[in-house]
Amino acid sequence: MSALRISLPLFRRLRQAIREQDPFEVAFELFIVVLGVFLGLAASNWSAARHDRDDRRQMIVALDEALTDYVDSGHHIHREIVGAIANYDALVAKGQRPPPPFLRFPLLDRPPTRTWDALVATGLARSISPRLVFRLAMHFSNADSFGDRYQRYNQFTEKEVFPYEDRPKHFYGPDGRLRVAYAQYVQRLREILALNDQMTDEAVSIRKDLGSEN
């Protein structure tokens, strides 16, 4: 509205210059009008660009925080699984028949992916390099896969492991080896470990690339 107020006197002077047939005055007033429009558009574009830069910076910070959580959680999960398997192997080596090793995180449902969902939904993914977008998409796809695997694993733990934890013989066949279902259960734990370590390493690498993007 203020720009309109400023422009109106210019148009009045321009009409007056045209009526007086003053070419110099007409050209000067036209120059002022064009310059005003140009400066207005430039200011608008600058403001939009600054807003985009602020959004991009906040997005990168949020992604970095999410990836840091993945790294910290990944290291914790790695220690828990490796410790459980090592303890189980040590007991078996002593001739014992302990319950199969298991991973149990009561507060873990699925790895967080809301930051990535928001990035895609708002279109901010277009502001970072396509290569990094692809790596982020793969990382959060692996996170969904990890969540699916853990939920299936946890369901088996609750139904087929916890009820027999105080009766270790239940897990073994007549030959003293783990029954097939429980041997597969242990294998699933190793697969979860491998996927967790892959996600952790990828999160570390992506964080470095995000630093370059910023």
C-alpha atoms as a PDB file:
ATOM      1  CA  MET A   1       0.000   0.000   0.000  1.00  0.00           C
ATOM      2  CA  SER A   2       2.888   2.402   0.835  1.00  0.00           C
ATOM      3  CA  ALA A   3       4.446   1.684  -2.568  1.00  0.00           C
ATOM      4  CA  LEU A   4       1.118   2.662  -4.153  1.00  0.00           C
ATOM      5  CA  ARG A   5       1.125   5.952  -2.272  1.00  0.00           C
ATOM      6  CA  ILE A   6       4.642   6.690  -3.467  1.00  0.00           C
ATOM      7  CA  SER A   7       3.819   5.765  -7.062  1.00  0.00           C
ATOM      8  CA  LEU A   8       0.691   7.899  -7.354  1.00  0.00           C
ATOM      9  CA  PRO A   9       2.510  11.281  -7.297  1.00  0.00           C
ATOM     10  CA  LEU A  10       4.947   9.910  -9.866  1.00  0.00           C
ATOM     11  CA  PHE A  11       2.101   9.005 -12.209  1.00  0.00           C
ATOM     12  CA  ARG A  12       0.554  12.428 -11.710  1.00  0.00           C
ATOM     13  CA  ARG A  13       3.841  14.120 -12.600  1.00  0.00           C
ATOM     14  CA  LEU A  14       4.228  11.749 -15.548  1.00  0.00           C
ATOM     15  CA  ARG A  15       0.785  12.708 -16.896  1.00  0.00           C
ATOM     16  CA  GLN A  16       1.595  16.358 -16.391  1.00  0.00           C
ATOM     17  CA  ALA A  17       4.948  15.977 -18.236  1.00  0.00           C
ATOM     18  CA  ILE A  18       3.190  14.251 -21.123  1.00  0.00           C
ATOM     19  CA  ARG A  19       0.617  17.057 -21.316  1.00  0.00           C
ATOM     20  CA  GLU A  20       3.418  19.632 -21.280  1.00  0.00           C
ATOM     21  CA  GLN A  21       5.283  17.579 -23.934  1.00  0.00           C
ATOM     22  CA  ASP A  22       8.550  17.607 -21.968  1.00  0.00           C
ATOM     23  CA  PRO A  23      10.494  14.549 -23.292  1.00  0.00           C
ATOM     24  CA  PHE A  24      13.200  14.790 -20.650  1.00  0.00           C
ATOM     25  CA  GLU A  25      10.721  14.962 -17.824  1.00  0.00           C
ATOM     26  CA  VAL A  26       8.734  12.046 -19.314  1.00  0.00           C
ATOM     27  CA  ALA A  27      11.854   9.905 -19.593  1.00  0.00           C
ATOM     28  CA  PHE A  28      12.957  10.792 -16.085  1.00  0.00           C
ATOM     29  CA  GLU A  29       9.591   9.990 -14.551  1.00  0.00           C
ATOM     30  CA  LEU A  30       9.443   6.688 -16.466  1.00  0.00           C
ATOM     31  CA  PHE A  31      12.905   5.840 -15.176  1.00  0.00           C
ATOM     32  CA  ILE A  32      11.799   6.536 -11.609  1.00  0.00           C
ATOM     33  CA  VAL A  33       8.715   4.319 -12.030  1.00  0.00           C
ATOM     34  CA  VAL A  34      10.711   1.446 -13.542  1.00  0.00           C
ATOM     35  CA  LEU A  35      13.414   1.789 -10.903  1.00  0.00           C
ATOM     36  CA  GLY A  36      10.799   1.688  -8.149  1.00  0.00           C
ATOM     37  CA  VAL A  37       9.223  -1.472  -9.560  1.00  0.00           C
ATOM     38  CA  PHE A  38      12.650  -3.088  -9.977  1.00  0.00           C
ATOM     39  CA  LEU A  39      13.718  -2.250  -6.431  1.00  0.00           C
ATOM     40  CA  GLY A  40      10.405  -3.543  -5.082  1.00  0.00           C
ATOM     41  CA  LEU A  41      10.818  -6.855  -6.893  1.00  0.00           C
ATOM     42  CA  ALA A  42      14.448  -7.106  -5.793  1.00  0.00           C
ATOM     43  CA  ALA A  43      13.474  -6.528  -2.157  1.00  0.00           C
ATOM     44  CA  SER A  44      10.721  -9.138  -2.425  1.00  0.00           C
ATOM     45  CA  ASN A  45      13.095 -11.669  -3.982  1.00  0.00           C
ATOM     46  CA  TRP A  46      15.741 -10.961  -1.363  1.00  0.00           C
ATOM     47  CA  SER A  47      13.232 -11.466   1.441  1.00  0.00           C
ATOM     48  CA  ALA A  48      12.027 -14.759  -0.086  1.00  0.00           C
ATOM     49  CA  ALA A  49      15.609 -15.959  -0.558  1.00  0.00           C
ATOM     50  CA  ARG A  50      16.455 -15.125   3.049  1.00  0.00           C
ATOM     51  CA  HIS A  51      13.367 -17.009   4.219  1.00  0.00           C
ATOM     52  CA  ASP A  52      14.398 -20.027   2.131  1.00  0.00           C
ATOM     53  CA  ARG A  53      17.916 -19.907   3.564  1.00  0.00           C
ATOM     54  CA  ASP A  54      16.554 -19.787   7.112  1.00  0.00           C
ATOM     55  CA  ASP A  55      14.233 -22.738   6.408  1.00  0.00           C
ATOM     56  CA  ARG A  56      17.094 -24.700   4.849  1.00  0.00           C
ATOM     57  CA  ARG A  57      19.384 -23.985   7.792  1.00  0.00           C
ATOM     58  CA  GLN A  58      16.746 -25.083  10.303  1.00  0.00           C
ATOM     59  CA  MET A  59      16.069 -28.217   8.255  1.00  0.00           C
ATOM     60  CA  ILE A  60      19.746 -29.164   8.231  1.00  0.00           C
ATOM     61  CA  VAL A  61      19.994 -28.602  11.997  1.00  0.00           C
ATOM     62  CA  ALA A  62      16.929 -30.817  12.588  1.00  0.00           C
ATOM     63  CA  LEU A  63      18.347 -33.532  10.330  1.00  0.00           C
ATOM     64  CA  ASP A  64      21.699 -33.370  12.120  1.00  0.00           C
ATOM     65  CA  GLU A  65      19.983 -33.776  15.492  1.00  0.00           C
ATOM     66  CA  ALA A  66      17.961 -36.749  14.214  1.00  0.00           C
ATOM     67  CA  LEU A  67      21.072 -38.414  12.789  1.00  0.00           C
ATOM     68  CA  THR A  68      22.948 -37.794  16.042  1.00  0.00           C
ATOM     69  CA  ASP A  69      20.176 -39.668  17.855  1.00  0.00           C
ATOM     70  CA  TYR A  70      20.577 -42.536  15.375  1.00  0.00           C
ATOM     71  CA  VAL A  71      24.314 -42.672  16.021  1.00  0.00           C
ATOM     72  CA  ASP A  72      23.960 -42.597  19.823  1.00  0.00           C
ATOM     73  CA  SER A  73      21.128 -45.154  19.823  1.00  0.00           C
ATOM     74  CA  GLY A  74      22.973 -47.326  17.312  1.00  0.00           C
ATOM     75  CA  HIS A  75      26.054 -47.532  19.503  1.00  0.00           C
ATOM     76  CA  HIS A  76      23.894 -48.405  22.506  1.00  0.00           C
ATOM     77  CA  ILE A  77      22.003 -51.120  20.607  1.00  0.00           C
ATOM     78  CA  HIS A  78      25.290 -52.520  19.286  1.00  0.00           C
ATOM     79  CA  ARG A  79      26.713 -52.847  22.797  1.00  0.00           C
ATOM     80  CA  GLU A  80      23.543 -54.499  24.100  1.00  0.00           C
ATOM     81  CA  ILE A  81      23.329 -57.090  21.316  1.00  0.00           C
ATOM     82  CA  VAL A  82      27.045 -57.894  21.222  1.00  0.00           C
ATOM     83  CA  GLY A  83      27.059 -58.235  25.017  1.00  0.00           C
ATOM     84  CA  ALA A  84      24.023 -60.552  25.020  1.00  0.00           C
ATOM     85  CA  ILE A  85      25.462 -62.793  22.288  1.00  0.00           C
ATOM     86  CA  ALA A  86      28.903 -62.880  23.923  1.00  0.00           C
ATOM     87  CA  ASN A  87      27.388 -63.838  27.274  1.00  0.00           C
ATOM     88  CA  TYR A  88      25.319 -66.585  25.644  1.00  0.00           C
ATOM     89  CA  ASP A  89      28.318 -67.975  23.740  1.00  0.00           C
ATOM     90  CA  ALA A  90      30.386 -67.981  26.941  1.00  0.00           C
ATOM     91  CA  LEU A  91      27.757 -69.982  28.840  1.00  0.00           C
ATOM     92  CA  VAL A  92      27.394 -72.474  25.974  1.00  0.00           C
ATOM     93  CA  ALA A  93      31.174 -72.892  25.894  1.00  0.00           C
ATOM     94  CA  LYS A  94      31.014 -73.910  29.548  1.00  0.00           C
ATOM     95  CA  GLY A  95      28.554 -76.643  28.685  1.00  0.00           C
ATOM     96  CA  GLN A  96      25.465 -74.826  29.918  1.00  0.00           C
ATOM     97  CA  ARG A  97      22.138 -74.491  28.091  1.00  0.00           C
ATOM     98  CA  PRO A  98      20.995 -70.915  28.746  1.00  0.00           C
ATOM     99  CA  PRO A  99      17.982 -69.199  27.191  1.00  0.00           C
ATOM    100  CA  PRO A 100      18.788 -67.727  23.760  1.00  0.00           C
ATOM    101  CA  PRO A 101      20.121 -64.165  23.798  1.00  0.00           C
ATOM    102  CA  PHE A 102      17.519 -61.501  23.190  1.00  0.00           C
ATOM    103  CA  LEU A 103      17.212 -57.776  22.660  1.00  0.00           C
ATOM    104  CA  ARG A 104      14.624 -55.952  24.720  1.00  0.00           C
ATOM    105  CA  PHE A 105      14.012 -52.185  24.695  1.00  0.00           C
ATOM    106  CA  PRO A 106      10.635 -51.427  26.325  1.00  0.00           C
ATOM    107  CA  LEU A 107      10.601 -47.826  25.057  1.00  0.00           C
ATOM    108  CA  LEU A 108      11.679 -48.676  21.514  1.00  0.00           C
ATOM    109  CA  ASP A 109       8.861 -49.006  19.011  1.00  0.00           C
ATOM    110  CA  ARG A 110      10.218 -47.618  15.762  1.00  0.00           C
ATOM    111  CA  PRO A 111      13.184 -45.412  14.916  1.00  0.00           C
ATOM    112  CA  PRO A 112      12.100 -41.759  14.522  1.00  0.00           C
ATOM    113  CA  THR A 113      11.423 -40.687  10.937  1.00  0.00           C
ATOM    114  CA  ARG A 114       9.289 -37.562  11.454  1.00  0.00           C
ATOM    115  CA  THR A 115      12.114 -35.218  10.471  1.00  0.00           C
ATOM    116  CA  TRP A 116      12.417 -36.927   7.097  1.00  0.00           C
ATOM    117  CA  ASP A 117       8.641 -36.988   6.629  1.00  0.00           C
ATOM    118  CA  ALA A 118       8.481 -33.245   7.297  1.00  0.00           C
ATOM    119  CA  LEU A 119      11.386 -32.627   4.931  1.00  0.00           C
ATOM    120  CA  VAL A 120       9.568 -34.391   2.110  1.00  0.00           C
ATOM    121  CA  ALA A 121       6.140 -32.933   2.912  1.00  0.00           C
ATOM    122  CA  THR A 122       7.350 -29.326   2.911  1.00  0.00           C
ATOM    123  CA  GLY A 123       9.443 -29.698  -0.246  1.00  0.00           C
ATOM    124  CA  LEU A 124      12.638 -28.649   1.525  1.00  0.00           C
ATOM    125  CA  ALA A 125      14.326 -31.778   0.195  1.00  0.00           C
ATOM    126  CA  ARG A 126      14.752 -29.874  -3.075  1.00  0.00           C
ATOM    127  CA  SER A 127      17.158 -27.490  -1.358  1.00  0.00           C
ATOM    128  CA  ILE A 128      19.880 -30.112  -0.819  1.00  0.00           C
ATOM    129  CA  SER A 129      21.862 -32.114  -3.329  1.00  0.00           C
ATOM    130  CA  PRO A 130      20.049 -35.028  -5.074  1.00  0.00           C
ATOM    131  CA  ARG A 131      22.789 -37.427  -3.995  1.00  0.00           C
ATOM    132  CA  LEU A 132      22.264 -36.549  -0.334  1.00  0.00           C
ATOM    133  CA  VAL A 133      18.476 -36.758  -0.706  1.00  0.00           C
ATOM    134  CA  PHE A 134      18.892 -40.285  -2.081  1.00  0.00           C
ATOM    135  CA  ARG A 135      21.152 -41.291   0.822  1.00  0.00           C
ATOM    136  CA  LEU A 136      18.704 -39.842   3.346  1.00  0.00           C
ATOM    137  CA  ALA A 137      15.815 -41.681   1.680  1.00  0.00           C
ATOM    138  CA  MET A 138      17.742 -44.963   1.875  1.00  0.00           C
ATOM    139  CA  HIS A 139      18.685 -44.328   5.499  1.00  0.00           C
ATOM    140  CA  PHE A 140      15.133 -43.682   6.653  1.00  0.00           C
ATOM    141  CA  SER A 141      13.887 -46.585   4.535  1.00  0.00           C
ATOM    142  CA  ASN A 142      16.324 -48.791   6.463  1.00  0.00           C
ATOM    143  CA  ALA A 143      14.958 -47.260   9.657  1.00  0.00           C
ATOM    144  CA  ASP A 144      11.455 -48.388   8.696  1.00  0.00           C
ATOM    145  CA  SER A 145      12.821 -51.850   7.898  1.00  0.00           C
ATOM    146  CA  PHE A 146      14.576 -51.939  11.268  1.00  0.00           C
ATOM    147  CA  GLY A 147      11.314 -51.022  12.995  1.00  0.00           C
ATOM    148  CA  ASP A 148       9.443 -53.808  11.192  1.00  0.00           C
ATOM    149  CA  ARG A 149      12.098 -56.385  12.040  1.00  0.00           C
ATOM    150  CA  TYR A 150      12.294 -55.353  15.661  1.00  0.00           C
ATOM    151  CA  GLN A 151       8.530 -55.511  16.109  1.00  0.00           C
ATOM    152  CA  ARG A 152       8.352 -59.025  14.634  1.00  0.00           C
ATOM    153  CA  TYR A 153      11.346 -60.042  16.748  1.00  0.00           C
ATOM    154  CA  ASN A 154       9.819 -58.531  19.884  1.00  0.00           C
ATOM    155  CA  GLN A 155       6.498 -60.299  19.332  1.00  0.00           C
ATOM    156  CA  PHE A 156       8.322 -63.653  19.210  1.00  0.00           C
ATOM    157  CA  THR A 157      10.300 -62.683  22.322  1.00  0.00           C
ATOM    158  CA  GLU A 158       7.155 -61.966  24.317  1.00  0.00           C
ATOM    159  CA  LYS A 159       5.242 -65.052  23.138  1.00  0.00           C
ATOM    160  CA  GLU A 160       7.951 -67.708  22.780  1.00  0.00           C
ATOM    161  CA  VAL A 161      10.901 -66.673  24.956  1.00  0.00           C
ATOM    162  CA  PHE A 162       9.801 -64.829  28.088  1.00  0.00           C
ATOM    163  CA  PRO A 163       7.239 -67.482  29.179  1.00  0.00           C
ATOM    164  CA  TYR A 164       9.997 -70.154  29.232  1.00  0.00           C
ATOM    165  CA  GLU A 165      12.886 -68.063  30.527  1.00  0.00           C
ATOM    166  CA  ASP A 166      12.951 -69.998  33.804  1.00  0.00           C
ATOM    167  CA  ARG A 167      12.857 -73.341  31.904  1.00  0.00           C
ATOM    168  CA  PRO A 168      15.897 -73.190  29.593  1.00  0.00           C
ATOM    169  CA  LYS A 169      15.479 -76.815  28.508  1.00  0.00           C
ATOM    170  CA  HIS A 170      12.426 -75.740  26.522  1.00  0.00           C
ATOM    171  CA  PHE A 171      14.684 -74.037  23.981  1.00  0.00           C
ATOM    172  CA  TYR A 172      16.749 -77.144  23.192  1.00  0.00           C
ATOM    173  CA  GLY A 173      16.060 -80.343  21.326  1.00  0.00           C
ATOM    174  CA  PRO A 174      17.049 -83.887  22.343  1.00  0.00           C
ATOM    175  CA  ASP A 175      20.448 -83.377  20.691  1.00  0.00           C
ATOM    176  CA  GLY A 176      21.244 -80.469  23.011  1.00  0.00           C
ATOM    177  CA  ARG A 177      21.070 -77.897  20.263  1.00  0.00           C
ATOM    178  CA  LEU A 178      18.715 -74.976  19.991  1.00  0.00           C
ATOM    179  CA  ARG A 179      15.428 -75.887  18.378  1.00  0.00           C
ATOM    180  CA  VAL A 180      15.081 -74.630  14.800  1.00  0.00           C
ATOM    181  CA  ALA A 181      12.680 -71.820  15.732  1.00  0.00           C
ATOM    182  CA  TYR A 182      15.074 -70.512  18.378  1.00  0.00           C
ATOM    183  CA  ALA A 183      18.144 -70.895  16.193  1.00  0.00           C
ATOM    184  CA  GLN A 184      16.337 -68.734  13.638  1.00  0.00           C
ATOM    185  CA  TYR A 185      15.452 -66.342  16.443  1.00  0.00           C
ATOM    186  CA  VAL A 186      19.138 -65.880  17.286  1.00  0.00           C
ATOM    187  CA  GLN A 187      19.913 -65.399  13.597  1.00  0.00           C
ATOM    188  CA  ARG A 188      17.295 -62.645  13.419  1.00  0.00           C
ATOM    189  CA  LEU A 189      19.054 -60.935  16.305  1.00  0.00           C
ATOM    190  CA  ARG A 190      22.334 -61.025  14.362  1.00  0.00           C
ATOM    191  CA  GLU A 191      20.554 -59.569  11.321  1.00  0.00           C
ATOM    192  CA  ILE A 192      19.140 -56.754  13.458  1.00  0.00           C
ATOM    193  CA  LEU A 193      22.669 -56.096  14.702  1.00  0.00           C
ATOM    194  CA  ALA A 194      24.013 -55.925  11.137  1.00  0.00           C
ATOM    195  CA  LEU A 195      21.253 -53.531  10.029  1.00  0.00           C
ATOM    196  CA  ASN A 196      21.746 -51.396  13.127  1.00  0.00           C
ATOM    197  CA  ASP A 197      25.480 -51.092  12.467  1.00  0.00           C
ATOM    198  CA  GLN A 198      24.828 -50.238   8.820  1.00  0.00           C
ATOM    199  CA  MET A 199      22.412 -47.487   9.819  1.00  0.00           C
ATOM    200  CA  THR A 200      24.855 -46.137  12.418  1.00  0.00           C
ATOM    201  CA  ASP A 201      27.740 -45.944   9.939  1.00  0.00           C
ATOM    202  CA  GLU A 202      25.485 -44.336   7.333  1.00  0.00           C
ATOM    203  CA  ALA A 203      24.248 -41.755   9.830  1.00  0.00           C
ATOM    204  CA  VAL A 204      27.834 -40.802  10.687  1.00  0.00           C
ATOM    205  CA  SER A 205      28.687 -40.415   6.990  1.00  0.00           C
ATOM    206  CA  ILE A 206      25.539 -38.409   6.172  1.00  0.00           C
ATOM    207  CA  ARG A 207      26.222 -36.022   9.058  1.00  0.00           C
ATOM    208  CA  LYS A 208      29.583 -35.192   7.486  1.00  0.00           C
ATOM    209  CA  ASP A 209      27.914 -34.496   4.141  1.00  0.00           C
ATOM    210  CA  LEU A 210      25.303 -32.325   5.860  1.00  0.00           C
ATOM    211  CA  GLY A 211      28.116 -30.255   7.325  1.00  0.00           C
ATOM    212  CA  SER A 212      29.341 -29.593   3.788  1.00  0.00           C
ATOM    213  CA  GLU A 213      25.820 -28.706   2.638  1.00  0.00           C
ATOM    214  CA  ASN A 214      25.530 -26.147   5.409  1.00  0.00           C
END
